[in-house]
Amino acid sequence: MKHIIAPYGPGIDERPPIPAMEERVEERLKKRQEKDERRALRRSVDEGGRIVEMFTKATKKATLRMGASKSD
């Protein structure tokens, strides 16, 4: 697409130029990379939370066992 056809809004001369195909591809790749980085960070945080949760459950379980053996 090389031309803007718009009957409403600002005139063609007042609009920003249409980016070249290379610029659009570059921008898309940049956005995708940023998205992948955010996803990787979020997954690493989620994984850390699961590890803490597993440790907490194991600790509670061990504490209950110790409490049960002391009361016997």
PDB file of N, CA and C in Angstrom:
ATOM      1  N   MET A   1       0.861  -1.168   0.000  1.00  0.00           N
ATOM      2  CA  MET A   1       0.000   0.000   0.000  1.00  0.00           C
ATOM      3  C   MET A   1       0.908   1.232   0.000  1.00  0.00           C
ATOM      4  N   LYS A   2       0.696   2.102  -0.938  1.00  0.00           N
ATOM      5  CA  LYS A   2       1.567   3.261  -1.084  1.00  0.00           C
ATOM      6  C   LYS A   2       0.840   4.578  -0.865  1.00  0.00           C
ATOM      7  N   HIS A   3      -0.483   4.561  -0.851  1.00  0.00           N
ATOM      8  CA  HIS A   3      -1.233   5.809  -0.745  1.00  0.00           C
ATOM      9  C   HIS A   3      -2.275   5.701   0.353  1.00  0.00           C
ATOM     10  N   ILE A   4      -2.544   6.835   0.956  1.00  0.00           N
ATOM     11  CA  ILE A   4      -3.602   6.902   1.959  1.00  0.00           C
ATOM     12  C   ILE A   4      -4.825   7.519   1.301  1.00  0.00           C
ATOM     13  N   ILE A   5      -5.932   6.808   1.386  1.00  0.00           N
ATOM     14  CA  ILE A   5      -7.190   7.334   0.876  1.00  0.00           C
ATOM     15  C   ILE A   5      -8.119   7.443   2.072  1.00  0.00           C
ATOM     16  N   ALA A   6      -8.404   8.669   2.489  1.00  0.00           N
ATOM     17  CA  ALA A   6      -9.242   8.874   3.652  1.00  0.00           C
ATOM     18  C   ALA A   6     -10.095  10.115   3.445  1.00  0.00           C
ATOM     19  N   PRO A   7     -11.405   9.936   3.359  1.00  0.00           N
ATOM     20  CA  PRO A   7     -12.275  11.086   3.139  1.00  0.00           C
ATOM     21  C   PRO A   7     -12.449  11.941   4.401  1.00  0.00           C
ATOM     22  N   TYR A   8     -12.082  11.421   5.570  1.00  0.00           N
ATOM     23  CA  TYR A   8     -12.265  12.144   6.821  1.00  0.00           C
ATOM     24  C   TYR A   8     -10.927  12.319   7.528  1.00  0.00           C
ATOM     25  N   GLY A   9     -10.884  13.199   8.503  1.00  0.00           N
ATOM     26  CA  GLY A   9      -9.679  13.394   9.292  1.00  0.00           C
ATOM     27  C   GLY A   9      -8.720  14.373   8.630  1.00  0.00           C
ATOM     28  N   PRO A  10      -7.480  14.402   9.122  1.00  0.00           N
ATOM     29  CA  PRO A  10      -6.499  15.341   8.569  1.00  0.00           C
ATOM     30  C   PRO A  10      -6.178  15.016   7.110  1.00  0.00           C
ATOM     31  N   GLY A  11      -5.739  16.032   6.413  1.00  0.00           N
ATOM     32  CA  GLY A  11      -5.392  15.835   5.012  1.00  0.00           C
ATOM     33  C   GLY A  11      -4.164  14.960   4.858  1.00  0.00           C
ATOM     34  N   ILE A  12      -3.949  14.467   3.668  1.00  0.00           N
ATOM     35  CA  ILE A  12      -2.830  13.578   3.400  1.00  0.00           C
ATOM     36  C   ILE A  12      -1.500  14.248   3.724  1.00  0.00           C
ATOM     37  N   ASP A  13      -1.381  15.523   3.430  1.00  0.00           N
ATOM     38  CA  ASP A  13      -0.134  16.242   3.686  1.00  0.00           C
ATOM     39  C   ASP A  13       0.147  16.383   5.177  1.00  0.00           C
ATOM     40  N   GLU A  14      -0.874  16.284   6.014  1.00  0.00           N
ATOM     41  CA  GLU A  14      -0.713  16.438   7.456  1.00  0.00           C
ATOM     42  C   GLU A  14      -0.466  15.105   8.158  1.00  0.00           C
ATOM     43  N   ARG A  15      -0.564  14.008   7.452  1.00  0.00           N
ATOM     44  CA  ARG A  15      -0.379  12.680   8.042  1.00  0.00           C
ATOM     45  C   ARG A  15       1.085  12.266   7.970  1.00  0.00           C
ATOM     46  N   PRO A  16       1.496  11.373   8.902  1.00  0.00           N
ATOM     47  CA  PRO A  16       2.882  10.884   8.836  1.00  0.00           C
ATOM     48  C   PRO A  16       3.092  10.024   7.587  1.00  0.00           C
ATOM     49  N   PRO A  17       4.325   9.953   7.099  1.00  0.00           N
ATOM     50  CA  PRO A  17       4.579   9.141   5.904  1.00  0.00           C
ATOM     51  C   PRO A  17       4.375   7.651   6.188  1.00  0.00           C
ATOM     52  N   ILE A  18       4.065   6.901   5.170  1.00  0.00           N
ATOM     53  CA  ILE A  18       3.881   5.459   5.293  1.00  0.00           C
ATOM     54  C   ILE A  18       5.260   4.825   5.440  1.00  0.00           C
ATOM     55  N   PRO A  19       5.470   4.007   6.487  1.00  0.00           N
ATOM     56  CA  PRO A  19       6.778   3.381   6.680  1.00  0.00           C
ATOM     57  C   PRO A  19       7.095   2.400   5.548  1.00  0.00           C
ATOM     58  N   ALA A  20       8.368   2.292   5.222  1.00  0.00           N
ATOM     59  CA  ALA A  20       8.801   1.343   4.198  1.00  0.00           C
ATOM     60  C   ALA A  20       8.618  -0.078   4.735  1.00  0.00           C
ATOM     61  N   MET A  21       8.580  -1.043   3.837  1.00  0.00           N
ATOM     62  CA  MET A  21       8.390  -2.437   4.222  1.00  0.00           C
ATOM     63  C   MET A  21       9.478  -2.874   5.204  1.00  0.00           C
ATOM     64  N   GLU A  22      10.710  -2.486   4.993  1.00  0.00           N
ATOM     65  CA  GLU A  22      11.806  -2.858   5.882  1.00  0.00           C
ATOM     66  C   GLU A  22      11.590  -2.289   7.288  1.00  0.00           C
ATOM     67  N   GLU A  23      11.094  -1.063   7.362  1.00  0.00           N
ATOM     68  CA  GLU A  23      10.827  -0.437   8.660  1.00  0.00           C
ATOM     69  C   GLU A  23       9.716  -1.181   9.401  1.00  0.00           C
ATOM     70  N   ARG A  24       8.697  -1.593   8.655  1.00  0.00           N
ATOM     71  CA  ARG A  24       7.589  -2.321   9.283  1.00  0.00           C
ATOM     72  C   ARG A  24       8.038  -3.683   9.788  1.00  0.00           C
ATOM     73  N   VAL A  25       8.862  -4.370   8.995  1.00  0.00           N
ATOM     74  CA  VAL A  25       9.375  -5.678   9.411  1.00  0.00           C
ATOM     75  C   VAL A  25      10.261  -5.520  10.637  1.00  0.00           C
ATOM     76  N   GLU A  26      11.131  -4.515  10.623  1.00  0.00           N
ATOM     77  CA  GLU A  26      12.020  -4.260  11.754  1.00  0.00           C
ATOM     78  C   GLU A  26      11.226  -3.967  13.028  1.00  0.00           C
ATOM     79  N   GLU A  27      10.201  -3.149  12.917  1.00  0.00           N
ATOM     80  CA  GLU A  27       9.368  -2.808  14.071  1.00  0.00           C
ATOM     81  C   GLU A  27       8.647  -4.047  14.610  1.00  0.00           C
ATOM     82  N   ARG A  28       8.159  -4.875  13.698  1.00  0.00           N
ATOM     83  CA  ARG A  28       7.461  -6.088  14.117  1.00  0.00           C
ATOM     84  C   ARG A  28       8.410  -7.046  14.845  1.00  0.00           C
ATOM     85  N   LEU A  29       9.628  -7.203  14.319  1.00  0.00           N
ATOM     86  CA  LEU A  29      10.615  -8.063  14.971  1.00  0.00           C
ATOM     87  C   LEU A  29      10.992  -7.526  16.346  1.00  0.00           C
ATOM     88  N   LYS A  30      11.126  -6.216  16.450  1.00  0.00           N
ATOM     89  CA  LYS A  30      11.457  -5.588  17.728  1.00  0.00           C
ATOM     90  C   LYS A  30      10.358  -5.852  18.757  1.00  0.00           C
ATOM     91  N   LYS A  31       9.107  -5.664  18.366  1.00  0.00           N
ATOM     92  CA  LYS A  31       7.986  -5.902  19.272  1.00  0.00           C
ATOM     93  C   LYS A  31       7.907  -7.363  19.692  1.00  0.00           C
ATOM     94  N   ARG A  32       8.189  -8.269  18.741  1.00  0.00           N
ATOM     95  CA  ARG A  32       8.149  -9.704  19.043  1.00  0.00           C
ATOM     96  C   ARG A  32       9.240 -10.071  20.046  1.00  0.00           C
ATOM     97  N   GLN A  33      10.435  -9.509  19.863  1.00  0.00           N
ATOM     98  CA  GLN A  33      11.534  -9.773  20.783  1.00  0.00           C
ATOM     99  C   GLN A  33      11.198  -9.272  22.188  1.00  0.00           C
ATOM    100  N   GLU A  34      10.617  -8.079  22.276  1.00  0.00           N
ATOM    101  CA  GLU A  34      10.220  -7.538  23.576  1.00  0.00           C
ATOM    102  C   GLU A  34       9.177  -8.431  24.239  1.00  0.00           C
ATOM    103  N   LYS A  35       8.236  -8.918  23.448  1.00  0.00           N
ATOM    104  CA  LYS A  35       7.194  -9.796  23.973  1.00  0.00           C
ATOM    105  C   LYS A  35       7.804 -11.107  24.486  1.00  0.00           C
ATOM    106  N   ASP A  36       8.728 -11.678  23.714  1.00  0.00           N
ATOM    107  CA  ASP A  36       9.384 -12.920  24.125  1.00  0.00           C
ATOM    108  C   ASP A  36      10.169 -12.724  25.417  1.00  0.00           C
ATOM    109  N   GLU A  37      10.824 -11.569  25.569  1.00  0.00           N
ATOM    110  CA  GLU A  37      11.576 -11.275  26.788  1.00  0.00           C
ATOM    111  C   GLU A  37      10.642 -11.171  27.995  1.00  0.00           C
ATOM    112  N   ARG A  38       9.504 -10.488  27.812  1.00  0.00           N
ATOM    113  CA  ARG A  38       8.535 -10.376  28.914  1.00  0.00           C
ATOM    114  C   ARG A  38       7.996 -11.751  29.294  1.00  0.00           C
ATOM    115  N   ARG A  39       7.707 -12.581  28.296  1.00  0.00           N
ATOM    116  CA  ARG A  39       7.179 -13.915  28.550  1.00  0.00           C
ATOM    117  C   ARG A  39       8.200 -14.768  29.305  1.00  0.00           C
ATOM    118  N   ALA A  40       9.466 -14.696  28.898  1.00  0.00           N
ATOM    119  CA  ALA A  40      10.511 -15.466  29.571  1.00  0.00           C
ATOM    120  C   ALA A  40      10.659 -15.018  31.028  1.00  0.00           C
ATOM    121  N   LEU A  41      10.621 -13.719  31.253  1.00  0.00           N
ATOM    122  CA  LEU A  41      10.719 -13.199  32.611  1.00  0.00           C
ATOM    123  C   LEU A  41       9.534 -13.657  33.454  1.00  0.00           C
ATOM    124  N   ARG A  42       8.339 -13.560  32.890  1.00  0.00           N
ATOM    125  CA  ARG A  42       7.138 -13.967  33.622  1.00  0.00           C
ATOM    126  C   ARG A  42       7.195 -15.457  33.957  1.00  0.00           C
ATOM    127  N   ARG A  43       7.657 -16.279  33.017  1.00  0.00           N
ATOM    128  CA  ARG A  43       7.741 -17.719  33.264  1.00  0.00           C
ATOM    129  C   ARG A  43       8.776 -18.032  34.335  1.00  0.00           C
ATOM    130  N   SER A  44       9.898 -17.314  34.331  1.00  0.00           N
ATOM    131  CA  SER A  44      10.912 -17.577  35.354  1.00  0.00           C
ATOM    132  C   SER A  44      10.388 -17.181  36.733  1.00  0.00           C
ATOM    133  N   VAL A  45       9.630 -16.111  36.808  1.00  0.00           N
ATOM    134  CA  VAL A  45       9.029 -15.694  38.084  1.00  0.00           C
ATOM    135  C   VAL A  45       7.999 -16.730  38.527  1.00  0.00           C
ATOM    136  N   ASP A  46       7.175 -17.203  37.598  1.00  0.00           N
ATOM    137  CA  ASP A  46       6.176 -18.224  37.930  1.00  0.00           C
ATOM    138  C   ASP A  46       6.848 -19.498  38.417  1.00  0.00           C
ATOM    139  N   GLU A  47       7.933 -19.901  37.764  1.00  0.00           N
ATOM    140  CA  GLU A  47       8.660 -21.105  38.159  1.00  0.00           C
ATOM    141  C   GLU A  47       9.222 -20.943  39.563  1.00  0.00           C
ATOM    142  N   GLY A  48       9.776 -19.768  39.862  1.00  0.00           N
ATOM    143  CA  GLY A  48      10.293 -19.499  41.201  1.00  0.00           C
ATOM    144  C   GLY A  48       9.198 -19.595  42.240  1.00  0.00           C
ATOM    145  N   GLY A  49       8.017 -19.118  41.912  1.00  0.00           N
ATOM    146  CA  GLY A  49       6.880 -19.198  42.828  1.00  0.00           C
ATOM    147  C   GLY A  49       6.473 -20.631  43.089  1.00  0.00           C
ATOM    148  N   ARG A  50       6.534 -21.464  42.057  1.00  0.00           N
ATOM    149  CA  ARG A  50       6.184 -22.882  42.236  1.00  0.00           C
ATOM    150  C   ARG A  50       7.197 -23.585  43.131  1.00  0.00           C
ATOM    151  N   ILE A  51       8.459 -23.234  42.982  1.00  0.00           N
ATOM    152  CA  ILE A  51       9.484 -23.843  43.821  1.00  0.00           C
ATOM    153  C   ILE A  51       9.257 -23.464  45.280  1.00  0.00           C
ATOM    154  N   VAL A  52       8.965 -22.196  45.532  1.00  0.00           N
ATOM    155  CA  VAL A  52       8.694 -21.742  46.901  1.00  0.00           C
ATOM    156  C   VAL A  52       7.467 -22.453  47.456  1.00  0.00           C
ATOM    157  N   GLU A  53       6.443 -22.593  46.638  1.00  0.00           N
ATOM    158  CA  GLU A  53       5.215 -23.267  47.071  1.00  0.00           C
ATOM    159  C   GLU A  53       5.487 -24.726  47.437  1.00  0.00           C
ATOM    160  N   MET A  54       6.286 -25.421  46.616  1.00  0.00           N
ATOM    161  CA  MET A  54       6.621 -26.812  46.902  1.00  0.00           C
ATOM    162  C   MET A  54       7.426 -26.911  48.207  1.00  0.00           C
ATOM    163  N   PHE A  55       8.364 -26.001  48.391  1.00  0.00           N
ATOM    164  CA  PHE A  55       9.178 -25.992  49.605  1.00  0.00           C
ATOM    165  C   PHE A  55       8.304 -25.739  50.834  1.00  0.00           C
ATOM    166  N   THR A  56       7.378 -24.808  50.729  1.00  0.00           N
ATOM    167  CA  THR A  56       6.476 -24.487  51.835  1.00  0.00           C
ATOM    168  C   THR A  56       5.618 -25.687  52.202  1.00  0.00           C
ATOM    169  N   LYS A  57       5.080 -26.373  51.196  1.00  0.00           N
ATOM    170  CA  LYS A  57       4.265 -27.558  51.466  1.00  0.00           C
ATOM    171  C   LYS A  57       5.089 -28.644  52.140  1.00  0.00           C
ATOM    172  N   ALA A  58       6.305 -28.862  51.646  1.00  0.00           N
ATOM    173  CA  ALA A  58       7.167 -29.889  52.233  1.00  0.00           C
ATOM    174  C   ALA A  58       7.507 -29.537  53.674  1.00  0.00           C
ATOM    175  N   THR A  59       7.762 -28.276  53.940  1.00  0.00           N
ATOM    176  CA  THR A  59       8.095 -27.832  55.297  1.00  0.00           C
ATOM    177  C   THR A  59       6.910 -28.041  56.235  1.00  0.00           C
ATOM    178  N   LYS A  60       5.723 -27.680  55.776  1.00  0.00           N
ATOM    179  CA  LYS A  60       4.521 -27.874  56.600  1.00  0.00           C
ATOM    180  C   LYS A  60       4.297 -29.350  56.884  1.00  0.00           C
ATOM    181  N   LYS A  61       4.496 -30.179  55.857  1.00  0.00           N
ATOM    182  CA  LYS A  61       4.294 -31.612  56.012  1.00  0.00           C
ATOM    183  C   LYS A  61       5.281 -32.179  57.036  1.00  0.00           C
ATOM    184  N   ALA A  62       6.540 -31.765  56.912  1.00  0.00           N
ATOM    185  CA  ALA A  62       7.562 -32.235  57.851  1.00  0.00           C
ATOM    186  C   ALA A  62       7.254 -31.750  59.259  1.00  0.00           C
ATOM    187  N   THR A  63       6.798 -30.526  59.403  1.00  0.00           N
ATOM    188  CA  THR A  63       6.463 -29.976  60.718  1.00  0.00           C
ATOM    189  C   THR A  63       5.312 -30.764  61.334  1.00  0.00           C
ATOM    190  N   LEU A  64       4.319 -31.111  60.535  1.00  0.00           N
ATOM    191  CA  LEU A  64       3.194 -31.897  61.046  1.00  0.00           C
ATOM    192  C   LEU A  64       3.655 -33.275  61.502  1.00  0.00           C
ATOM    193  N   ARG A  65       4.543 -33.893  60.719  1.00  0.00           N
ATOM    194  CA  ARG A  65       5.057 -35.204  61.099  1.00  0.00           C
ATOM    195  C   ARG A  65       5.828 -35.124  62.413  1.00  0.00           C
ATOM    196  N   MET A  66       6.641 -34.102  62.560  1.00  0.00           N
ATOM    197  CA  MET A  66       7.430 -33.947  63.783  1.00  0.00           C
ATOM    198  C   MET A  66       6.502 -33.713  64.968  1.00  0.00           C
ATOM    199  N   GLY A  67       5.484 -32.918  64.760  1.00  0.00           N
ATOM    200  CA  GLY A  67       4.509 -32.660  65.838  1.00  0.00           C
ATOM    201  C   GLY A  67       3.772 -33.915  66.221  1.00  0.00           C
ATOM    202  N   ALA A  68       3.434 -34.753  65.254  1.00  0.00           N
ATOM    203  CA  ALA A  68       2.712 -36.005  65.517  1.00  0.00           C
ATOM    204  C   ALA A  68       3.622 -36.987  66.269  1.00  0.00           C
ATOM    205  N   SER A  69       4.894 -37.039  65.924  1.00  0.00           N
ATOM    206  CA  SER A  69       5.790 -37.978  66.592  1.00  0.00           C
ATOM    207  C   SER A  69       6.104 -37.524  68.005  1.00  0.00           C
ATOM    208  N   LYS A  70       6.100 -36.248  68.301  1.00  0.00           N
ATOM    209  CA  LYS A  70       6.362 -35.742  69.643  1.00  0.00           C
ATOM    210  C   LYS A  70       5.186 -36.040  70.574  1.00  0.00           C
ATOM    211  N   SER A  71       3.972 -36.012  70.041  1.00  0.00           N
ATOM    212  CA  SER A  71       2.800 -36.203  70.886  1.00  0.00           C
ATOM    213  C   SER A  71       2.536 -37.668  71.170  1.00  0.00           C
ATOM    214  N   ASP A  72       3.205 -38.605  70.449  1.00  0.00           N
ATOM    215  CA  ASP A  72       3.007 -40.041  70.666  1.00  0.00           C
ATOM    216  C   ASP A  72       3.606 -40.508  71.921  1.00  0.00           C
TER     217      ASP A  72
END
